[in-house]
Amino acid sequence: MSEPASERTDVTPDDPAGRSERPTVALDTSVLMAPVEANLRPFEELDRVLGAVDPVVPSSVLRELDRLEEGSGAAATAASVGRDLAARARRLDTGGTYADDALVELAAAGDVDYVATADRELVRRVLDADTPVLCLRGRETLTVTDP
């Protein structure tokens, strides 16, 4: 769950709540790694499907990418690309929470308008939290699934 606006580090002076008029989309590890694993261009797809968005990445997703990046092989390469892409999104501090749990908590609390993921189990959990999901359709496109 995100911290109160007064304690958040991602708040800008002209937007005290840290949110914009654009839909807020929380990005999962799987979507950030998808350029390598599924030939998906996440930010281009977000623009195509929703137009201008406010992308956010929970700190627990960043920690998961860091952990995966320490390995070797394709997963480490994908995590490295994902970490670079994550720099284009606003960071939300989610404490020590597991990445999927943090995304579900953000969705359930209404702190995000969408969650983008390629993880089928996470899709189900976010939909159960009554939040739309941007999920993979094929290997190169995102589509919105409503609860």
C-alpha atoms as a PDB file:
ATOM      1  CA  MET A   1       0.000   0.000   0.000  1.00  0.00           C
ATOM      2  CA  SER A   2       1.334   3.463  -0.812  1.00  0.00           C
ATOM      3  CA  GLU A   3       2.279   5.812   1.967  1.00  0.00           C
ATOM      4  CA  PRO A   4       0.330   9.028   2.644  1.00  0.00           C
ATOM      5  CA  ALA A   5       1.101  11.900   0.262  1.00  0.00           C
ATOM      6  CA  SER A   6       2.899  13.776   3.036  1.00  0.00           C
ATOM      7  CA  GLU A   7       5.418  10.937   3.361  1.00  0.00           C
ATOM      8  CA  ARG A   8       5.799   9.912  -0.280  1.00  0.00           C
ATOM      9  CA  THR A   9       9.020  10.638  -2.092  1.00  0.00           C
ATOM     10  CA  ASP A  10       7.437  10.666  -5.559  1.00  0.00           C
ATOM     11  CA  VAL A  11       5.231  13.731  -5.019  1.00  0.00           C
ATOM     12  CA  THR A  12       5.852  16.799  -7.145  1.00  0.00           C
ATOM     13  CA  PRO A  13       5.079  20.340  -5.927  1.00  0.00           C
ATOM     14  CA  ASP A  14       2.372  20.892  -8.562  1.00  0.00           C
ATOM     15  CA  ASP A  15       0.717  17.548  -7.783  1.00  0.00           C
ATOM     16  CA  PRO A  16       0.585  17.077  -3.991  1.00  0.00           C
ATOM     17  CA  ALA A  17      -1.170  13.706  -4.223  1.00  0.00           C
ATOM     18  CA  GLY A  18       1.416  12.334  -6.672  1.00  0.00           C
ATOM     19  CA  ARG A  19      -1.335  11.567  -9.249  1.00  0.00           C
ATOM     20  CA  SER A  20      -2.197  13.197 -12.530  1.00  0.00           C
ATOM     21  CA  GLU A  21      -5.293  13.440 -14.708  1.00  0.00           C
ATOM     22  CA  ARG A  22      -3.890  10.608 -16.809  1.00  0.00           C
ATOM     23  CA  PRO A  23      -4.767   7.038 -15.832  1.00  0.00           C
ATOM     24  CA  THR A  24      -2.259   5.565 -13.400  1.00  0.00           C
ATOM     25  CA  VAL A  25      -0.864   2.219 -14.548  1.00  0.00           C
ATOM     26  CA  ALA A  26       1.170   0.034 -12.174  1.00  0.00           C
ATOM     27  CA  LEU A  27       3.782  -2.030 -14.016  1.00  0.00           C
ATOM     28  CA  ASP A  28       4.591  -5.594 -13.012  1.00  0.00           C
ATOM     29  CA  THR A  29       7.981  -7.247 -13.369  1.00  0.00           C
ATOM     30  CA  SER A  30       6.688  -9.462 -16.189  1.00  0.00           C
ATOM     31  CA  VAL A  31       5.677  -6.486 -18.362  1.00  0.00           C
ATOM     32  CA  LEU A  32       8.963  -4.703 -17.747  1.00  0.00           C
ATOM     33  CA  MET A  33      10.873  -7.846 -18.790  1.00  0.00           C
ATOM     34  CA  ALA A  34       8.609  -8.484 -21.795  1.00  0.00           C
ATOM     35  CA  PRO A  35      10.745  -6.647 -24.393  1.00  0.00           C
ATOM     36  CA  VAL A  36      13.235  -9.513 -24.131  1.00  0.00           C
ATOM     37  CA  GLU A  37      10.851 -12.351 -23.304  1.00  0.00           C
ATOM     38  CA  ALA A  38       7.889 -11.550 -25.559  1.00  0.00           C
ATOM     39  CA  ASN A  39       8.972  -8.804 -27.977  1.00  0.00           C
ATOM     40  CA  LEU A  40       6.580  -6.347 -26.289  1.00  0.00           C
ATOM     41  CA  ARG A  41       7.274  -2.601 -26.141  1.00  0.00           C
ATOM     42  CA  PRO A  42       5.408  -1.740 -22.929  1.00  0.00           C
ATOM     43  CA  PHE A  43       5.368   2.055 -23.118  1.00  0.00           C
ATOM     44  CA  GLU A  44       4.437   2.122 -26.792  1.00  0.00           C
ATOM     45  CA  GLU A  45       1.617  -0.334 -26.072  1.00  0.00           C
ATOM     46  CA  LEU A  46       0.371   1.741 -23.128  1.00  0.00           C
ATOM     47  CA  ASP A  47       0.238   4.771 -25.436  1.00  0.00           C
ATOM     48  CA  ARG A  48      -1.573   2.775 -28.124  1.00  0.00           C
ATOM     49  CA  VAL A  49      -4.180   1.308 -25.755  1.00  0.00           C
ATOM     50  CA  LEU A  50      -4.766   4.153 -23.272  1.00  0.00           C
ATOM     51  CA  GLY A  51      -3.061   7.256 -24.642  1.00  0.00           C
ATOM     52  CA  ALA A  52      -1.049   9.300 -22.150  1.00  0.00           C
ATOM     53  CA  VAL A  53      -0.642   7.473 -18.840  1.00  0.00           C
ATOM     54  CA  ASP A  54       1.050   7.954 -15.486  1.00  0.00           C
ATOM     55  CA  PRO A  55       3.180   4.790 -15.215  1.00  0.00           C
ATOM     56  CA  VAL A  56       4.204   3.712 -11.713  1.00  0.00           C
ATOM     57  CA  VAL A  57       6.470   0.949 -10.461  1.00  0.00           C
ATOM     58  CA  PRO A  58       6.213  -0.333  -6.894  1.00  0.00           C
ATOM     59  CA  SER A  59       9.535  -0.484  -5.064  1.00  0.00           C
ATOM     60  CA  SER A  60       8.954  -4.223  -4.544  1.00  0.00           C
ATOM     61  CA  VAL A  61       8.949  -4.699  -8.338  1.00  0.00           C
ATOM     62  CA  LEU A  62      12.259  -2.834  -8.513  1.00  0.00           C
ATOM     63  CA  ARG A  63      13.715  -5.120  -5.828  1.00  0.00           C
ATOM     64  CA  GLU A  64      12.514  -8.173  -7.758  1.00  0.00           C
ATOM     65  CA  LEU A  65      14.180  -6.870 -10.940  1.00  0.00           C
ATOM     66  CA  ASP A  66      17.409  -6.216  -9.022  1.00  0.00           C
ATOM     67  CA  ARG A  67      17.393  -9.755  -7.642  1.00  0.00           C
ATOM     68  CA  LEU A  68      16.755 -11.294 -11.076  1.00  0.00           C
ATOM     69  CA  GLU A  69      19.415  -9.081 -12.663  1.00  0.00           C
ATOM     70  CA  GLU A  70      22.061 -10.591 -10.361  1.00  0.00           C
ATOM     71  CA  GLY A  71      21.633 -13.983 -12.054  1.00  0.00           C
ATOM     72  CA  SER A  72      22.770 -14.983 -15.502  1.00  0.00           C
ATOM     73  CA  GLY A  73      21.228 -15.857 -18.824  1.00  0.00           C
ATOM     74  CA  ALA A  74      18.099 -14.557 -20.521  1.00  0.00           C
ATOM     75  CA  ALA A  75      16.252 -13.768 -17.276  1.00  0.00           C
ATOM     76  CA  ALA A  76      19.101 -11.547 -16.073  1.00  0.00           C
ATOM     77  CA  THR A  77      19.200  -9.760 -19.423  1.00  0.00           C
ATOM     78  CA  ALA A  78      15.426  -9.280 -19.368  1.00  0.00           C
ATOM     79  CA  ALA A  79      15.605  -7.954 -15.791  1.00  0.00           C
ATOM     80  CA  SER A  80      18.329  -5.495 -16.791  1.00  0.00           C
ATOM     81  CA  VAL A  81      16.159  -4.193 -19.639  1.00  0.00           C
ATOM     82  CA  GLY A  82      13.207  -4.071 -17.243  1.00  0.00           C
ATOM     83  CA  ARG A  83      15.201  -2.044 -14.715  1.00  0.00           C
ATOM     84  CA  ASP A  84      16.132   0.453 -17.438  1.00  0.00           C
ATOM     85  CA  LEU A  85      12.478   0.744 -18.505  1.00  0.00           C
ATOM     86  CA  ALA A  86      11.362   1.182 -14.901  1.00  0.00           C
ATOM     87  CA  ALA A  87      13.347   4.424 -14.785  1.00  0.00           C
ATOM     88  CA  ARG A  88      10.662   5.903 -17.068  1.00  0.00           C
ATOM     89  CA  ALA A  89       7.986   5.376 -14.402  1.00  0.00           C
ATOM     90  CA  ARG A  90       7.232   7.027 -11.087  1.00  0.00           C
ATOM     91  CA  ARG A  91       8.369   4.923  -8.110  1.00  0.00           C
ATOM     92  CA  LEU A  92       5.899   4.036  -5.351  1.00  0.00           C
ATOM     93  CA  ASP A  93       7.317   2.904  -2.026  1.00  0.00           C
ATOM     94  CA  THR A  94       5.633  -0.364  -1.071  1.00  0.00           C
ATOM     95  CA  GLY A  95       7.903  -1.378   1.774  1.00  0.00           C
ATOM     96  CA  GLY A  96       8.905  -5.007   2.112  1.00  0.00           C
ATOM     97  CA  THR A  97       5.825  -6.381   0.362  1.00  0.00           C
ATOM     98  CA  TYR A  98       6.130  -9.117  -2.255  1.00  0.00           C
ATOM     99  CA  ALA A  99       5.722  -7.540  -5.744  1.00  0.00           C
ATOM    100  CA  ASP A 100       2.444  -9.265  -6.685  1.00  0.00           C
ATOM    101  CA  ASP A 101       0.924  -8.521  -3.275  1.00  0.00           C
ATOM    102  CA  ALA A 102       1.932  -4.859  -3.583  1.00  0.00           C
ATOM    103  CA  LEU A 103       0.245  -4.599  -6.986  1.00  0.00           C
ATOM    104  CA  VAL A 104      -2.952  -6.192  -5.664  1.00  0.00           C
ATOM    105  CA  GLU A 105      -2.914  -3.863  -2.633  1.00  0.00           C
ATOM    106  CA  LEU A 106      -2.497  -0.803  -4.876  1.00  0.00           C
ATOM    107  CA  ALA A 107      -5.393  -2.008  -7.028  1.00  0.00           C
ATOM    108  CA  ALA A 108      -7.666  -2.829  -4.090  1.00  0.00           C
ATOM    109  CA  ALA A 109      -6.974   0.553  -2.462  1.00  0.00           C
ATOM    110  CA  GLY A 110      -7.825   2.399  -5.678  1.00  0.00           C
ATOM    111  CA  ASP A 111      -4.321   3.866  -5.860  1.00  0.00           C
ATOM    112  CA  VAL A 112      -3.971   2.802  -9.516  1.00  0.00           C
ATOM    113  CA  ASP A 113      -6.428   2.707 -12.408  1.00  0.00           C
ATOM    114  CA  TYR A 114      -4.853  -0.315 -14.144  1.00  0.00           C
ATOM    115  CA  VAL A 115      -2.220  -2.974 -13.524  1.00  0.00           C
ATOM    116  CA  ALA A 116      -0.097  -4.145 -16.471  1.00  0.00           C
ATOM    117  CA  THR A 117       1.122  -7.738 -16.198  1.00  0.00           C
ATOM    118  CA  ALA A 118       1.836 -10.891 -18.179  1.00  0.00           C
ATOM    119  CA  ASP A 119       1.324 -13.075 -15.085  1.00  0.00           C
ATOM    120  CA  ARG A 120      -1.980 -14.993 -15.346  1.00  0.00           C
ATOM    121  CA  GLU A 121      -2.362 -15.544 -11.609  1.00  0.00           C
ATOM    122  CA  LEU A 122      -1.779 -11.843 -10.956  1.00  0.00           C
ATOM    123  CA  VAL A 123      -4.379 -10.991 -13.626  1.00  0.00           C
ATOM    124  CA  ARG A 124      -6.948 -13.034 -11.692  1.00  0.00           C
ATOM    125  CA  ARG A 125      -6.036 -11.418  -8.356  1.00  0.00           C
ATOM    126  CA  VAL A 126      -6.191  -7.868  -9.724  1.00  0.00           C
ATOM    127  CA  LEU A 127      -9.525  -8.529 -11.434  1.00  0.00           C
ATOM    128  CA  ASP A 128     -10.792  -9.897  -8.101  1.00  0.00           C
ATOM    129  CA  ALA A 129      -9.746  -6.525  -6.616  1.00  0.00           C
ATOM    130  CA  ASP A 130     -12.112  -4.908  -9.154  1.00  0.00           C
ATOM    131  CA  THR A 131      -9.344  -3.218 -11.172  1.00  0.00           C
ATOM    132  CA  PRO A 132      -8.846  -3.493 -14.945  1.00  0.00           C
ATOM    133  CA  VAL A 133      -5.722  -5.271 -16.173  1.00  0.00           C
ATOM    134  CA  LEU A 134      -3.564  -4.646 -19.197  1.00  0.00           C
ATOM    135  CA  CYS A 135      -2.376  -8.100 -20.183  1.00  0.00           C
ATOM    136  CA  LEU A 136      -0.583  -9.712 -23.090  1.00  0.00           C
ATOM    137  CA  ARG A 137      -2.570 -10.691 -26.131  1.00  0.00           C
ATOM    138  CA  GLY A 138      -0.236 -12.711 -28.299  1.00  0.00           C
ATOM    139  CA  ARG A 139       3.426 -11.792 -27.894  1.00  0.00           C
ATOM    140  CA  GLU A 140       3.459  -8.130 -28.874  1.00  0.00           C
ATOM    141  CA  THR A 141       0.220  -6.467 -27.766  1.00  0.00           C
ATOM    142  CA  LEU A 142      -1.494  -5.403 -24.581  1.00  0.00           C
ATOM    143  CA  THR A 143      -5.248  -5.502 -24.163  1.00  0.00           C
ATOM    144  CA  VAL A 144      -7.531  -4.309 -21.364  1.00  0.00           C
ATOM    145  CA  THR A 145      -9.451  -6.915 -19.386  1.00  0.00           C
ATOM    146  CA  ASP A 146     -12.170  -5.417 -17.209  1.00  0.00           C
ATOM    147  CA  PRO A 147     -13.297  -6.994 -13.925  1.00  0.00           C
END
